[in-house]
Amino acid sequence: MSKRFPIPTITRRQSSLALSVLVLILGAAYLLYYGPPSSVPKTTAMQEFRNGCMKAARRANGGGDLVMDDATEAKLGAYCGCIADAIEGNIAPDEILKLGTEQESAATRQLLDRINSGCQPKLQQ
């Protein structure tokens, strides 16, 4: 019997090229669907940190969760912004999320103490 449908032969170069194109397409589809891997968690972690910082600062000043007067809010915003900017550049996103649950590492606690002492003058301005 003769072959009805001949199987096309491909070279090693053609198969490598096809596999490379497939990997690039899958990688691009993954990035489009999920986005850059570290951008979403870091922005979420920083927003949660800023909100928590403002609430804690209001409670420490005797205001509870309520918004305080404009001058106090400006000082608290400057202080929390100073801390958030320093944390964002120096601490990994997974450690930032651990800050609220007090499960951060000892090295992170020491870094936070240094950041806090550097940002304290923002409260006195």
N, C-alpha and C. Protein backbone atom coordinates (compact mmCIF):
# COMPACT_ATOMS: atom_id res chain seq x y z
N MET A 1 0.81 -1.18 0.00
CA MET A 1 0.00 0.00 0.00
C MET A 1 0.86 1.25 0.00
N SER A 2 0.41 2.20 -0.70
CA SER A 2 1.15 3.45 -0.76
C SER A 2 0.64 4.41 0.33
N LYS A 3 1.49 5.32 0.67
CA LYS A 3 1.11 6.31 1.69
C LYS A 3 0.16 7.32 1.07
N ARG A 4 -0.93 7.55 1.76
CA ARG A 4 -1.89 8.53 1.26
C ARG A 4 -1.49 9.95 1.68
N PHE A 5 -1.09 10.10 2.92
CA PHE A 5 -0.73 11.42 3.43
C PHE A 5 0.73 11.39 3.87
N PRO A 6 1.60 11.95 3.11
CA PRO A 6 3.00 11.95 3.51
C PRO A 6 3.21 12.90 4.70
N ILE A 7 3.95 12.46 5.65
CA ILE A 7 4.26 13.28 6.82
C ILE A 7 5.39 14.22 6.45
N PRO A 8 5.16 15.51 6.63
CA PRO A 8 6.23 16.44 6.27
C PRO A 8 7.38 16.33 7.26
N THR A 9 8.55 16.47 6.79
CA THR A 9 9.72 16.43 7.66
C THR A 9 10.15 17.86 7.96
N ILE A 10 10.56 18.07 9.20
CA ILE A 10 11.06 19.39 9.58
C ILE A 10 12.48 19.23 10.11
N THR A 11 13.22 20.27 9.95
CA THR A 11 14.61 20.23 10.40
C THR A 11 14.69 20.62 11.88
N ARG A 12 15.82 20.39 12.43
CA ARG A 12 16.05 20.76 13.82
C ARG A 12 15.94 22.28 14.00
N ARG A 13 16.40 23.03 13.04
CA ARG A 13 16.33 24.49 13.10
C ARG A 13 14.87 24.96 13.10
N GLN A 14 14.04 24.36 12.27
CA GLN A 14 12.63 24.74 12.21
C GLN A 14 11.91 24.40 13.52
N SER A 15 12.20 23.25 14.08
CA SER A 15 11.53 22.88 15.33
C SER A 15 12.00 23.78 16.48
N SER A 16 13.27 24.13 16.50
CA SER A 16 13.78 25.05 17.54
C SER A 16 13.15 26.43 17.41
N LEU A 17 13.02 26.91 16.19
CA LEU A 17 12.40 28.20 15.95
C LEU A 17 10.93 28.18 16.39
N ALA A 18 10.22 27.13 16.04
CA ALA A 18 8.81 27.02 16.42
C ALA A 18 8.65 26.97 17.95
N LEU A 19 9.51 26.23 18.61
CA LEU A 19 9.46 26.14 20.07
C LEU A 19 9.79 27.49 20.71
N SER A 20 10.76 28.19 20.17
CA SER A 20 11.12 29.51 20.70
C SER A 20 9.97 30.50 20.56
N VAL A 21 9.33 30.50 19.41
CA VAL A 21 8.20 31.40 19.19
C VAL A 21 7.06 31.05 20.14
N LEU A 22 6.81 29.77 20.35
CA LEU A 22 5.75 29.35 21.27
C LEU A 22 6.04 29.81 22.70
N VAL A 23 7.28 29.68 23.14
CA VAL A 23 7.65 30.13 24.49
C VAL A 23 7.48 31.64 24.62
N LEU A 24 7.87 32.41 23.61
CA LEU A 24 7.69 33.86 23.66
C LEU A 24 6.21 34.25 23.70
N ILE A 25 5.40 33.57 22.93
CA ILE A 25 3.96 33.87 22.92
C ILE A 25 3.35 33.54 24.28
N LEU A 26 3.71 32.40 24.85
CA LEU A 26 3.18 32.04 26.17
C LEU A 26 3.65 33.01 27.25
N GLY A 27 4.89 33.44 27.19
CA GLY A 27 5.41 34.42 28.15
C GLY A 27 4.69 35.76 28.04
N ALA A 28 4.46 36.22 26.83
CA ALA A 28 3.75 37.48 26.63
C ALA A 28 2.31 37.38 27.12
N ALA A 29 1.67 36.25 26.85
CA ALA A 29 0.29 36.05 27.31
C ALA A 29 0.23 36.03 28.83
N TYR A 30 1.21 35.40 29.47
CA TYR A 30 1.25 35.36 30.93
C TYR A 30 1.39 36.77 31.50
N LEU A 31 2.31 37.57 30.94
CA LEU A 31 2.51 38.93 31.45
C LEU A 31 1.29 39.81 31.21
N LEU A 32 0.62 39.63 30.08
CA LEU A 32 -0.59 40.40 29.82
C LEU A 32 -1.71 40.02 30.78
N TYR A 33 -1.82 38.76 31.09
CA TYR A 33 -2.91 38.30 31.95
C TYR A 33 -2.65 38.61 33.42
N TYR A 34 -1.45 38.34 33.90
CA TYR A 34 -1.15 38.52 35.31
C TYR A 34 -0.43 39.82 35.63
N GLY A 35 0.13 40.49 34.67
CA GLY A 35 0.85 41.73 34.91
C GLY A 35 2.23 41.44 35.47
N PRO A 36 3.01 42.48 35.70
CA PRO A 36 4.33 42.28 36.31
C PRO A 36 4.17 41.65 37.69
N PRO A 37 5.01 40.68 38.02
CA PRO A 37 4.80 39.91 39.24
C PRO A 37 4.89 40.70 40.53
N SER A 38 5.71 41.75 40.61
CA SER A 38 5.88 42.41 41.90
C SER A 38 5.12 43.72 42.05
N SER A 39 4.50 44.24 40.98
CA SER A 39 3.88 45.56 41.09
C SER A 39 2.60 45.55 41.92
N VAL A 40 1.75 44.59 41.73
CA VAL A 40 0.47 44.58 42.45
C VAL A 40 0.66 44.36 43.94
N PRO A 41 1.41 43.35 44.38
CA PRO A 41 1.54 43.17 45.83
C PRO A 41 2.22 44.34 46.52
N LYS A 42 3.19 44.96 45.89
CA LYS A 42 3.90 46.06 46.55
C LYS A 42 2.99 47.27 46.71
N THR A 43 2.23 47.60 45.68
CA THR A 43 1.34 48.76 45.81
C THR A 43 0.24 48.48 46.83
N THR A 44 -0.26 47.26 46.84
CA THR A 44 -1.28 46.90 47.82
C THR A 44 -0.70 46.96 49.23
N ALA A 45 0.49 46.41 49.39
CA ALA A 45 1.12 46.41 50.71
C ALA A 45 1.39 47.84 51.19
N MET A 46 1.85 48.70 50.30
CA MET A 46 2.15 50.07 50.70
C MET A 46 0.87 50.84 51.04
N GLN A 47 -0.21 50.61 50.29
CA GLN A 47 -1.46 51.30 50.59
C GLN A 47 -2.01 50.86 51.95
N GLU A 48 -1.94 49.56 52.22
CA GLU A 48 -2.38 49.06 53.51
C GLU A 48 -1.52 49.63 54.64
N PHE A 49 -0.22 49.74 54.39
CA PHE A 49 0.67 50.29 55.41
C PHE A 49 0.34 51.75 55.68
N ARG A 50 0.15 52.55 54.63
CA ARG A 50 -0.16 53.98 54.81
C ARG A 50 -1.47 54.17 55.59
N ASN A 51 -2.48 53.39 55.24
CA ASN A 51 -3.77 53.49 55.94
C ASN A 51 -3.61 53.11 57.41
N GLY A 52 -2.90 52.04 57.67
CA GLY A 52 -2.67 51.61 59.04
C GLY A 52 -1.86 52.61 59.84
N CYS A 53 -0.89 53.22 59.20
CA CYS A 53 -0.07 54.24 59.86
C CYS A 53 -0.91 55.44 60.26
N MET A 54 -1.76 55.91 59.37
CA MET A 54 -2.60 57.06 59.69
C MET A 54 -3.58 56.74 60.83
N LYS A 55 -4.17 55.55 60.80
CA LYS A 55 -5.10 55.18 61.88
C LYS A 55 -4.37 55.09 63.22
N ALA A 56 -3.19 54.47 63.22
CA ALA A 56 -2.43 54.34 64.46
C ALA A 56 -1.98 55.71 64.98
N ALA A 57 -1.59 56.60 64.07
CA ALA A 57 -1.15 57.94 64.48
C ALA A 57 -2.33 58.73 65.05
N ARG A 58 -3.51 58.59 64.46
CA ARG A 58 -4.69 59.29 64.99
C ARG A 58 -5.04 58.78 66.38
N ARG A 59 -4.97 57.46 66.56
CA ARG A 59 -5.27 56.89 67.88
C ARG A 59 -4.25 57.36 68.91
N ALA A 60 -2.99 57.44 68.50
CA ALA A 60 -1.93 57.87 69.43
C ALA A 60 -2.14 59.32 69.85
N ASN A 61 -2.74 60.13 68.99
CA ASN A 61 -3.01 61.53 69.31
C ASN A 61 -4.35 61.73 69.99
N GLY A 62 -5.05 60.65 70.29
CA GLY A 62 -6.32 60.76 71.01
C GLY A 62 -7.53 60.98 70.13
N GLY A 63 -7.38 60.83 68.83
CA GLY A 63 -8.51 61.09 67.94
C GLY A 63 -9.29 59.85 67.54
N GLY A 64 -8.84 58.69 67.95
CA GLY A 64 -9.52 57.47 67.51
C GLY A 64 -9.34 57.28 66.02
N ASP A 65 -10.39 56.84 65.34
CA ASP A 65 -10.31 56.66 63.88
C ASP A 65 -10.79 57.89 63.13
N LEU A 66 -11.21 58.93 63.84
CA LEU A 66 -11.74 60.13 63.20
C LEU A 66 -10.62 61.00 62.65
N VAL A 67 -10.94 61.72 61.60
CA VAL A 67 -9.99 62.66 61.02
C VAL A 67 -9.81 63.83 61.97
N MET A 68 -8.57 64.30 62.12
CA MET A 68 -8.27 65.38 63.06
C MET A 68 -8.21 66.71 62.31
N ASP A 69 -7.82 67.77 63.00
CA ASP A 69 -7.73 69.08 62.35
C ASP A 69 -6.66 69.07 61.26
N ASP A 70 -6.71 70.09 60.40
CA ASP A 70 -5.85 70.11 59.22
C ASP A 70 -4.37 70.12 59.56
N ALA A 71 -3.95 70.87 60.56
CA ALA A 71 -2.54 70.95 60.92
C ALA A 71 -2.02 69.60 61.41
N THR A 72 -2.81 68.94 62.25
CA THR A 72 -2.40 67.63 62.77
C THR A 72 -2.39 66.59 61.66
N GLU A 73 -3.40 66.63 60.79
CA GLU A 73 -3.44 65.69 59.67
C GLU A 73 -2.24 65.89 58.74
N ALA A 74 -1.83 67.14 58.54
CA ALA A 74 -0.67 67.40 57.68
C ALA A 74 0.60 66.82 58.30
N LYS A 75 0.76 66.99 59.62
CA LYS A 75 1.94 66.42 60.31
C LYS A 75 1.93 64.90 60.24
N LEU A 76 0.76 64.31 60.51
CA LEU A 76 0.66 62.85 60.48
C LEU A 76 0.89 62.32 59.06
N GLY A 77 0.37 63.04 58.07
CA GLY A 77 0.58 62.63 56.67
C GLY A 77 2.04 62.71 56.27
N ALA A 78 2.73 63.77 56.71
CA ALA A 78 4.16 63.90 56.40
C ALA A 78 4.96 62.79 57.07
N TYR A 79 4.62 62.49 58.32
CA TYR A 79 5.32 61.43 59.06
C TYR A 79 5.09 60.06 58.40
N CYS A 80 3.84 59.73 58.13
CA CYS A 80 3.54 58.42 57.51
C CYS A 80 4.10 58.34 56.10
N GLY A 81 4.10 59.46 55.38
CA GLY A 81 4.70 59.48 54.05
C GLY A 81 6.20 59.24 54.09
N CYS A 82 6.86 59.86 55.07
CA CYS A 82 8.30 59.67 55.24
C CYS A 82 8.62 58.21 55.52
N ILE A 83 7.87 57.61 56.43
CA ILE A 83 8.10 56.21 56.77
C ILE A 83 7.78 55.31 55.59
N ALA A 84 6.66 55.58 54.92
CA ALA A 84 6.26 54.73 53.78
C ALA A 84 7.28 54.79 52.65
N ASP A 85 7.81 55.98 52.37
CA ASP A 85 8.81 56.11 51.31
C ASP A 85 10.09 55.34 51.66
N ALA A 86 10.50 55.43 52.92
CA ALA A 86 11.71 54.72 53.35
C ALA A 86 11.49 53.21 53.33
N ILE A 87 10.31 52.78 53.74
CA ILE A 87 10.01 51.34 53.75
C ILE A 87 9.93 50.80 52.33
N GLU A 88 9.30 51.55 51.45
CA GLU A 88 9.11 51.09 50.07
C GLU A 88 10.43 50.81 49.37
N GLY A 89 11.44 51.61 49.66
CA GLY A 89 12.73 51.42 49.02
C GLY A 89 13.62 50.39 49.70
N ASN A 90 13.31 49.99 50.93
CA ASN A 90 14.24 49.15 51.67
C ASN A 90 13.71 47.80 52.14
N ILE A 91 12.40 47.59 52.07
CA ILE A 91 11.82 46.36 52.60
C ILE A 91 11.02 45.65 51.52
N ALA A 92 11.13 44.34 51.47
CA ALA A 92 10.42 43.53 50.48
C ALA A 92 8.91 43.55 50.74
N PRO A 93 8.08 43.40 49.69
CA PRO A 93 6.63 43.46 49.86
C PRO A 93 6.07 42.43 50.84
N ASP A 94 6.62 41.22 50.87
CA ASP A 94 6.10 40.22 51.80
C ASP A 94 6.39 40.62 53.25
N GLU A 95 7.51 41.29 53.49
CA GLU A 95 7.82 41.79 54.83
C GLU A 95 6.92 42.96 55.20
N ILE A 96 6.55 43.79 54.22
CA ILE A 96 5.66 44.91 54.48
C ILE A 96 4.31 44.39 54.95
N LEU A 97 3.81 43.34 54.31
CA LEU A 97 2.53 42.77 54.71
C LEU A 97 2.60 42.15 56.11
N LYS A 98 3.77 41.70 56.52
CA LYS A 98 3.93 41.11 57.85
C LYS A 98 3.98 42.17 58.96
N LEU A 99 4.18 43.44 58.60
CA LEU A 99 4.30 44.49 59.60
C LEU A 99 3.04 44.63 60.43
N GLY A 100 1.89 44.52 59.82
CA GLY A 100 0.65 44.68 60.56
C GLY A 100 0.36 43.54 61.52
N THR A 101 0.90 42.36 61.24
CA THR A 101 0.66 41.20 62.09
C THR A 101 1.80 40.97 63.07
N GLU A 102 2.81 41.84 63.05
CA GLU A 102 3.98 41.75 63.93
C GLU A 102 4.72 40.43 63.78
N GLN A 103 4.84 39.95 62.54
CA GLN A 103 5.59 38.72 62.25
C GLN A 103 6.85 39.03 61.46
N GLU A 104 7.27 40.29 61.43
CA GLU A 104 8.45 40.66 60.66
C GLU A 104 9.72 40.14 61.32
N SER A 105 10.79 40.11 60.56
CA SER A 105 12.06 39.60 61.07
C SER A 105 12.73 40.63 61.98
N ALA A 106 13.74 40.18 62.71
CA ALA A 106 14.47 41.07 63.63
C ALA A 106 15.20 42.16 62.86
N ALA A 107 15.75 41.81 61.69
CA ALA A 107 16.45 42.81 60.88
C ALA A 107 15.49 43.89 60.41
N THR A 108 14.27 43.50 60.07
CA THR A 108 13.27 44.48 59.65
C THR A 108 12.88 45.39 60.81
N ARG A 109 12.78 44.84 62.01
CA ARG A 109 12.46 45.67 63.19
C ARG A 109 13.54 46.71 63.44
N GLN A 110 14.80 46.30 63.32
CA GLN A 110 15.90 47.25 63.52
C GLN A 110 15.86 48.35 62.46
N LEU A 111 15.57 47.96 61.23
CA LEU A 111 15.48 48.95 60.16
C LEU A 111 14.32 49.91 60.42
N LEU A 112 13.21 49.39 60.91
CA LEU A 112 12.05 50.24 61.24
C LEU A 112 12.38 51.23 62.35
N ASP A 113 13.15 50.80 63.34
CA ASP A 113 13.55 51.71 64.41
C ASP A 113 14.39 52.86 63.87
N ARG A 114 15.30 52.54 62.94
CA ARG A 114 16.13 53.61 62.34
C ARG A 114 15.28 54.54 61.48
N ILE A 115 14.34 53.96 60.72
CA ILE A 115 13.46 54.79 59.89
C ILE A 115 12.60 55.69 60.77
N ASN A 116 12.06 55.14 61.85
CA ASN A 116 11.22 55.91 62.76
C ASN A 116 11.98 57.08 63.37
N SER A 117 13.20 56.84 63.82
CA SER A 117 13.98 57.92 64.42
C SER A 117 14.32 58.99 63.37
N GLY A 118 14.50 58.60 62.12
CA GLY A 118 14.77 59.57 61.07
C GLY A 118 13.55 60.39 60.68
N CYS A 119 12.35 59.84 60.87
CA CYS A 119 11.12 60.54 60.48
C CYS A 119 10.46 61.29 61.63
N GLN A 120 10.93 61.13 62.85
CA GLN A 120 10.35 61.81 64.01
C GLN A 120 10.30 63.34 63.86
N PRO A 121 11.32 63.97 63.27
CA PRO A 121 11.24 65.44 63.13
C PRO A 121 10.05 65.91 62.31
N LYS A 122 9.47 65.07 61.47
CA LYS A 122 8.29 65.48 60.68
C LYS A 122 7.10 65.78 61.58
N LEU A 123 7.05 65.14 62.75
CA LEU A 123 5.93 65.37 63.67
C LEU A 123 6.07 66.71 64.41
N GLN A 124 7.28 67.22 64.57
CA GLN A 124 7.48 68.45 65.31
C GLN A 124 7.40 69.70 64.42
N GLN A 125 7.38 69.54 63.13
CA GLN A 125 7.38 70.71 62.23
C GLN A 125 6.07 71.43 62.26
